[in-house]
Amino acid sequence: MAMSLNKAQIIGNLTRDPEVRQTPAGQSVASFGVATNFTWNDSSGQKQEKVEFHNVVAWGKLAEICGTYLKKGQKIYIEGRLQTRDWEGEDGVKRYRTEIVAENMIMLSPKGQSGDSGFAASSGMGANMGSSNNMGSEPSPVEPVMSQSQEKRPEGIAQTDAPSTGSANESKVKDEDVVVEDLPF
């Protein structure tokens, strides 16, 4: 059996405010851009830098959370999968767009910078502040669930926790925990 993996993780700054719209079926979808920097030394030892611009799409509760709390300039962590869409333009030419479909989002901006900071949201869990006694309860679609453990995390970074009970919620949500120590910064 062939194994495959499609996972994207980025830390960068929002290049524009999220744009939230509704599908004909009534589902929320948010789209926004994130810029990341890549630096390296060229053959002569000079430091070079390149900025990459990533298109990000979030669905459902996560889309609503992104639309409410994210603003241009904020630093965020996005975890998701790569997806390429294609369509035919009015000129008859086929166009392609690769984007990251977000499954988890963590706001990393310090407090007071582009709004409040320090909560995590997941496409399966709404906004879950890492409360271990949550036991699979569904958070509200827009309001983040605050937890005492937030204050113990460095720089207000929260951690997403999947429910630890054997409930029906666990079978439909299999998001792995995002642990602060695992983030590459």
C-alpha atoms as a PDB file:
ATOM      1  CA  MET A   1       0.000   0.000   0.000  1.00  0.00           C
ATOM      2  CA  ALA A   2       1.445   3.378  -1.031  1.00  0.00           C
ATOM      3  CA  MET A   3       1.701   5.996   1.679  1.00  0.00           C
ATOM      4  CA  SER A   4       1.141   9.682   0.968  1.00  0.00           C
ATOM      5  CA  LEU A   5       1.375  12.849   3.022  1.00  0.00           C
ATOM      6  CA  ASN A   6       0.113  16.338   2.298  1.00  0.00           C
ATOM      7  CA  LYS A   7       0.928  18.715   5.152  1.00  0.00           C
ATOM      8  CA  ALA A   8       1.864  22.391   5.112  1.00  0.00           C
ATOM      9  CA  GLN A   9       3.073  24.471   8.061  1.00  0.00           C
ATOM     10  CA  ILE A  10       3.863  28.168   7.766  1.00  0.00           C
ATOM     11  CA  ILE A  11       4.637  31.017  10.151  1.00  0.00           C
ATOM     12  CA  GLY A  12       4.323  34.453   8.618  1.00  0.00           C
ATOM     13  CA  ASN A  13       2.467  37.741   8.473  1.00  0.00           C
ATOM     14  CA  LEU A  14      -0.969  38.374   7.004  1.00  0.00           C
ATOM     15  CA  THR A  15      -0.711  40.382   3.783  1.00  0.00           C
ATOM     16  CA  ARG A  16      -4.407  41.319   3.822  1.00  0.00           C
ATOM     17  CA  ASP A  17      -7.475  41.072   6.034  1.00  0.00           C
ATOM     18  CA  PRO A  18      -9.373  37.793   5.587  1.00  0.00           C
ATOM     19  CA  GLU A  19     -12.294  37.947   3.182  1.00  0.00           C
ATOM     20  CA  VAL A  20     -15.202  35.819   4.414  1.00  0.00           C
ATOM     21  CA  ARG A  21     -18.074  34.762   2.172  1.00  0.00           C
ATOM     22  CA  GLN A  22     -20.834  32.149   2.179  1.00  0.00           C
ATOM     23  CA  THR A  23     -21.134  29.254  -0.266  1.00  0.00           C
ATOM     24  CA  PRO A  24     -24.567  28.693  -1.841  1.00  0.00           C
ATOM     25  CA  ALA A  25     -24.997  25.885   0.738  1.00  0.00           C
ATOM     26  CA  GLY A  26     -24.438  28.411   3.550  1.00  0.00           C
ATOM     27  CA  GLN A  27     -20.932  27.353   4.612  1.00  0.00           C
ATOM     28  CA  SER A  28     -18.425  30.068   5.559  1.00  0.00           C
ATOM     29  CA  VAL A  29     -15.143  30.274   3.653  1.00  0.00           C
ATOM     30  CA  ALA A  30     -12.322  32.726   4.398  1.00  0.00           C
ATOM     31  CA  SER A  31      -9.396  33.525   2.128  1.00  0.00           C
ATOM     32  CA  PHE A  32      -6.297  35.516   3.035  1.00  0.00           C
ATOM     33  CA  GLY A  33      -2.609  35.798   2.250  1.00  0.00           C
ATOM     34  CA  VAL A  34       0.439  35.046   4.398  1.00  0.00           C
ATOM     35  CA  ALA A  35       4.004  36.125   3.589  1.00  0.00           C
ATOM     36  CA  THR A  36       7.043  34.113   4.710  1.00  0.00           C
ATOM     37  CA  ASN A  37      10.746  35.032   4.425  1.00  0.00           C
ATOM     38  CA  PHE A  38      13.484  32.678   3.245  1.00  0.00           C
ATOM     39  CA  THR A  39      17.102  33.732   3.793  1.00  0.00           C
ATOM     40  CA  TRP A  40      20.307  32.100   2.583  1.00  0.00           C
ATOM     41  CA  ASN A  41      23.922  32.959   1.789  1.00  0.00           C
ATOM     42  CA  ASP A  42      24.839  32.969  -1.897  1.00  0.00           C
ATOM     43  CA  SER A  43      28.125  31.639  -3.311  1.00  0.00           C
ATOM     44  CA  SER A  44      29.952  34.869  -2.442  1.00  0.00           C
ATOM     45  CA  GLY A  45      28.710  34.754   1.166  1.00  0.00           C
ATOM     46  CA  GLN A  46      26.188  37.574   0.707  1.00  0.00           C
ATOM     47  CA  LYS A  47      22.920  37.189   2.613  1.00  0.00           C
ATOM     48  CA  GLN A  48      19.949  36.871   0.273  1.00  0.00           C
ATOM     49  CA  GLU A  49      16.252  37.018   1.144  1.00  0.00           C
ATOM     50  CA  LYS A  50      13.140  35.993  -0.757  1.00  0.00           C
ATOM     51  CA  VAL A  51       9.553  36.565   0.281  1.00  0.00           C
ATOM     52  CA  GLU A  52       6.957  33.908  -0.578  1.00  0.00           C
ATOM     53  CA  PHE A  53       3.269  34.765  -0.696  1.00  0.00           C
ATOM     54  CA  HIS A  54       0.897  31.947   0.270  1.00  0.00           C
ATOM     55  CA  ASN A  55      -2.831  31.833  -0.416  1.00  0.00           C
ATOM     56  CA  VAL A  56      -4.721  30.396   2.565  1.00  0.00           C
ATOM     57  CA  VAL A  57      -8.318  29.164   2.670  1.00  0.00           C
ATOM     58  CA  ALA A  58     -10.250  28.257   5.829  1.00  0.00           C
ATOM     59  CA  TRP A  59     -13.733  26.691   6.023  1.00  0.00           C
ATOM     60  CA  GLY A  60     -16.619  26.590   8.510  1.00  0.00           C
ATOM     61  CA  LYS A  61     -16.042  27.728  12.094  1.00  0.00           C
ATOM     62  CA  LEU A  62     -12.350  28.316  11.454  1.00  0.00           C
ATOM     63  CA  ALA A  63     -13.268  30.691   8.595  1.00  0.00           C
ATOM     64  CA  GLU A  64     -15.532  32.703  10.904  1.00  0.00           C
ATOM     65  CA  ILE A  65     -12.826  32.878  13.583  1.00  0.00           C
ATOM     66  CA  CYS A  66     -10.232  34.026  11.040  1.00  0.00           C
ATOM     67  CA  GLY A  67     -12.616  36.684   9.721  1.00  0.00           C
ATOM     68  CA  THR A  68     -13.319  38.004  13.215  1.00  0.00           C
ATOM     69  CA  TYR A  69      -9.853  37.987  14.768  1.00  0.00           C
ATOM     70  CA  LEU A  70      -7.230  38.191  12.010  1.00  0.00           C
ATOM     71  CA  LYS A  71      -6.002  41.489  10.591  1.00  0.00           C
ATOM     72  CA  LYS A  72      -3.348  42.469   8.050  1.00  0.00           C
ATOM     73  CA  GLY A  73       0.157  42.475   9.548  1.00  0.00           C
ATOM     74  CA  GLN A  74      -0.458  39.913  12.310  1.00  0.00           C
ATOM     75  CA  LYS A  75       1.974  37.015  12.716  1.00  0.00           C
ATOM     76  CA  ILE A  76       0.260  33.631  12.629  1.00  0.00           C
ATOM     77  CA  TYR A  77       1.001  29.918  12.444  1.00  0.00           C
ATOM     78  CA  ILE A  78      -1.049  27.965   9.892  1.00  0.00           C
ATOM     79  CA  GLU A  79      -1.140  24.205   9.551  1.00  0.00           C
ATOM     80  CA  GLY A  80      -3.043  22.513   6.775  1.00  0.00           C
ATOM     81  CA  ARG A  81      -2.723  20.821   3.408  1.00  0.00           C
ATOM     82  CA  LEU A  82      -1.821  21.979  -0.095  1.00  0.00           C
ATOM     83  CA  GLN A  83      -4.540  22.088  -2.730  1.00  0.00           C
ATOM     84  CA  THR A  84      -4.370  23.167  -6.370  1.00  0.00           C
ATOM     85  CA  ARG A  85      -7.462  24.388  -8.188  1.00  0.00           C
ATOM     86  CA  ASP A  86      -7.758  24.958 -11.918  1.00  0.00           C
ATOM     87  CA  TRP A  87     -10.242  26.877 -14.029  1.00  0.00           C
ATOM     88  CA  GLU A  88     -10.500  28.339 -17.482  1.00  0.00           C
ATOM     89  CA  GLY A  89     -10.121  32.104 -17.749  1.00  0.00           C
ATOM     90  CA  GLU A  90     -12.267  34.310 -19.984  1.00  0.00           C
ATOM     91  CA  ASP A  91      -9.409  34.246 -22.492  1.00  0.00           C
ATOM     92  CA  GLY A  92      -9.726  30.453 -22.748  1.00  0.00           C
ATOM     93  CA  VAL A  93      -6.422  29.839 -20.957  1.00  0.00           C
ATOM     94  CA  LYS A  94      -6.353  27.302 -18.117  1.00  0.00           C
ATOM     95  CA  ARG A  95      -5.265  28.839 -14.828  1.00  0.00           C
ATOM     96  CA  TYR A  96      -3.931  27.179 -11.670  1.00  0.00           C
ATOM     97  CA  ARG A  97      -3.834  28.323  -8.054  1.00  0.00           C
ATOM     98  CA  THR A  98      -2.129  26.458  -5.224  1.00  0.00           C
ATOM     99  CA  GLU A  99      -3.371  27.301  -1.767  1.00  0.00           C
ATOM    100  CA  ILE A 100      -3.111  26.031   1.791  1.00  0.00           C
ATOM    101  CA  VAL A 101      -6.373  24.693   3.205  1.00  0.00           C
ATOM    102  CA  ALA A 102      -6.035  25.611   6.890  1.00  0.00           C
ATOM    103  CA  GLU A 103      -6.840  23.049   9.560  1.00  0.00           C
ATOM    104  CA  ASN A 104      -5.243  24.811  12.540  1.00  0.00           C
ATOM    105  CA  MET A 105      -4.406  28.456  13.203  1.00  0.00           C
ATOM    106  CA  ILE A 106      -2.450  30.021  16.075  1.00  0.00           C
ATOM    107  CA  MET A 107      -2.130  33.782  16.504  1.00  0.00           C
ATOM    108  CA  LEU A 108       1.466  34.685  17.380  1.00  0.00           C
ATOM    109  CA  SER A 109       1.423  38.506  17.429  1.00  0.00           C
ATOM    110  CA  PRO A 110       2.343  40.051  20.786  1.00  0.00           C
ATOM    111  CA  LYS A 111      -0.518  41.579  22.774  1.00  0.00           C
ATOM    112  CA  GLY A 112      -1.556  45.010  21.606  1.00  0.00           C
ATOM    113  CA  GLN A 113      -0.290  44.420  18.068  1.00  0.00           C
ATOM    114  CA  SER A 114      -3.109  44.223  15.524  1.00  0.00           C
ATOM    115  CA  GLY A 115      -5.673  43.264  18.136  1.00  0.00           C
ATOM    116  CA  ASP A 116      -5.686  40.694  20.933  1.00  0.00           C
ATOM    117  CA  SER A 117      -3.479  37.675  20.733  1.00  0.00           C
ATOM    118  CA  GLY A 118      -2.738  34.202  21.793  1.00  0.00           C
ATOM    119  CA  PHE A 119      -5.403  31.702  20.897  1.00  0.00           C
ATOM    120  CA  ALA A 120      -5.484  28.669  18.701  1.00  0.00           C
ATOM    121  CA  ALA A 121      -8.281  27.544  16.438  1.00  0.00           C
ATOM    122  CA  SER A 122      -8.820  24.331  14.550  1.00  0.00           C
ATOM    123  CA  SER A 123     -11.196  23.458  11.727  1.00  0.00           C
ATOM    124  CA  GLY A 124     -12.550  20.557  13.757  1.00  0.00           C
ATOM    125  CA  MET A 125     -12.701  22.218  17.166  1.00  0.00           C
ATOM    126  CA  GLY A 126     -13.676  25.863  16.669  1.00  0.00           C
ATOM    127  CA  ALA A 127     -11.473  27.953  18.966  1.00  0.00           C
ATOM    128  CA  ASN A 128     -10.052  25.730  21.665  1.00  0.00           C
ATOM    129  CA  MET A 129      -7.691  27.323  24.150  1.00  0.00           C
ATOM    130  CA  GLY A 130      -6.086  24.068  25.199  1.00  0.00           C
ATOM    131  CA  SER A 131      -8.398  23.397  28.123  1.00  0.00           C
ATOM    132  CA  SER A 132      -7.842  19.753  29.008  1.00  0.00           C
ATOM    133  CA  ASN A 133     -11.177  19.496  30.825  1.00  0.00           C
ATOM    134  CA  ASN A 134     -13.079  20.389  27.646  1.00  0.00           C
ATOM    135  CA  MET A 135     -14.020  16.725  27.108  1.00  0.00           C
ATOM    136  CA  GLY A 136     -15.352  17.175  23.606  1.00  0.00           C
ATOM    137  CA  SER A 137     -17.804  20.007  24.233  1.00  0.00           C
ATOM    138  CA  GLU A 138     -18.342  22.096  21.112  1.00  0.00           C
ATOM    139  CA  PRO A 139     -17.074  25.671  21.455  1.00  0.00           C
ATOM    140  CA  SER A 140     -19.099  28.486  19.973  1.00  0.00           C
ATOM    141  CA  PRO A 141     -18.271  29.207  16.324  1.00  0.00           C
ATOM    142  CA  VAL A 142     -16.879  32.689  16.847  1.00  0.00           C
ATOM    143  CA  GLU A 143     -15.944  33.280  20.494  1.00  0.00           C
ATOM    144  CA  PRO A 144     -12.635  31.734  21.611  1.00  0.00           C
ATOM    145  CA  VAL A 145     -12.857  29.497  24.659  1.00  0.00           C
ATOM    146  CA  MET A 146     -10.549  31.030  27.262  1.00  0.00           C
ATOM    147  CA  SER A 147      -8.494  28.834  29.541  1.00  0.00           C
ATOM    148  CA  GLN A 148      -6.325  29.443  32.594  1.00  0.00           C
ATOM    149  CA  SER A 149      -3.537  27.487  30.909  1.00  0.00           C
ATOM    150  CA  GLN A 150      -3.161  30.275  28.329  1.00  0.00           C
ATOM    151  CA  GLU A 151      -1.290  32.444  30.823  1.00  0.00           C
ATOM    152  CA  LYS A 152       1.339  29.724  31.399  1.00  0.00           C
ATOM    153  CA  ARG A 153       2.250  29.475  27.718  1.00  0.00           C
ATOM    154  CA  PRO A 154       5.104  31.631  26.375  1.00  0.00           C
ATOM    155  CA  GLU A 155       4.054  34.756  24.440  1.00  0.00           C
ATOM    156  CA  GLY A 156       0.370  33.821  24.741  1.00  0.00           C
ATOM    157  CA  ILE A 157       0.627  30.904  22.317  1.00  0.00           C
ATOM    158  CA  ALA A 158      -2.154  28.424  22.921  1.00  0.00           C
ATOM    159  CA  GLN A 159      -2.228  24.733  22.152  1.00  0.00           C
ATOM    160  CA  THR A 160      -5.078  22.857  20.512  1.00  0.00           C
ATOM    161  CA  ASP A 161      -6.257  19.691  22.255  1.00  0.00           C
ATOM    162  CA  ALA A 162      -8.411  17.005  20.704  1.00  0.00           C
ATOM    163  CA  PRO A 163     -11.085  15.588  23.024  1.00  0.00           C
ATOM    164  CA  SER A 164      -9.703  12.833  25.249  1.00  0.00           C
ATOM    165  CA  THR A 165     -13.001  11.011  25.711  1.00  0.00           C
ATOM    166  CA  GLY A 166     -14.168   8.118  23.560  1.00  0.00           C
ATOM    167  CA  SER A 167     -17.136  10.154  22.347  1.00  0.00           C
ATOM    168  CA  ALA A 168     -18.486  10.520  18.821  1.00  0.00           C
ATOM    169  CA  ASN A 169     -16.619  13.805  18.559  1.00  0.00           C
ATOM    170  CA  GLU A 170     -13.295  12.010  18.770  1.00  0.00           C
ATOM    171  CA  SER A 171     -14.039   9.844  15.769  1.00  0.00           C
ATOM    172  CA  LYS A 172     -14.761  12.816  13.515  1.00  0.00           C
ATOM    173  CA  VAL A 173     -11.934  15.031  14.821  1.00  0.00           C
ATOM    174  CA  LYS A 174      -8.427  13.586  14.626  1.00  0.00           C
ATOM    175  CA  ASP A 175      -6.370  16.807  14.797  1.00  0.00           C
ATOM    176  CA  GLU A 176      -2.978  16.208  16.381  1.00  0.00           C
ATOM    177  CA  ASP A 177      -1.969  18.537  19.165  1.00  0.00           C
ATOM    178  CA  VAL A 178       0.112  21.537  18.178  1.00  0.00           C
ATOM    179  CA  VAL A 179       2.811  21.699  20.844  1.00  0.00           C
ATOM    180  CA  VAL A 180       4.594  25.024  21.297  1.00  0.00           C
ATOM    181  CA  GLU A 181       7.995  23.296  21.571  1.00  0.00           C
ATOM    182  CA  ASP A 182       7.497  21.752  18.110  1.00  0.00           C
ATOM    183  CA  LEU A 183       7.078  25.072  16.326  1.00  0.00           C
ATOM    184  CA  PRO A 184      10.214  25.956  14.335  1.00  0.00           C
ATOM    185  CA  PHE A 185      11.123  29.290  15.944  1.00  0.00           C
END
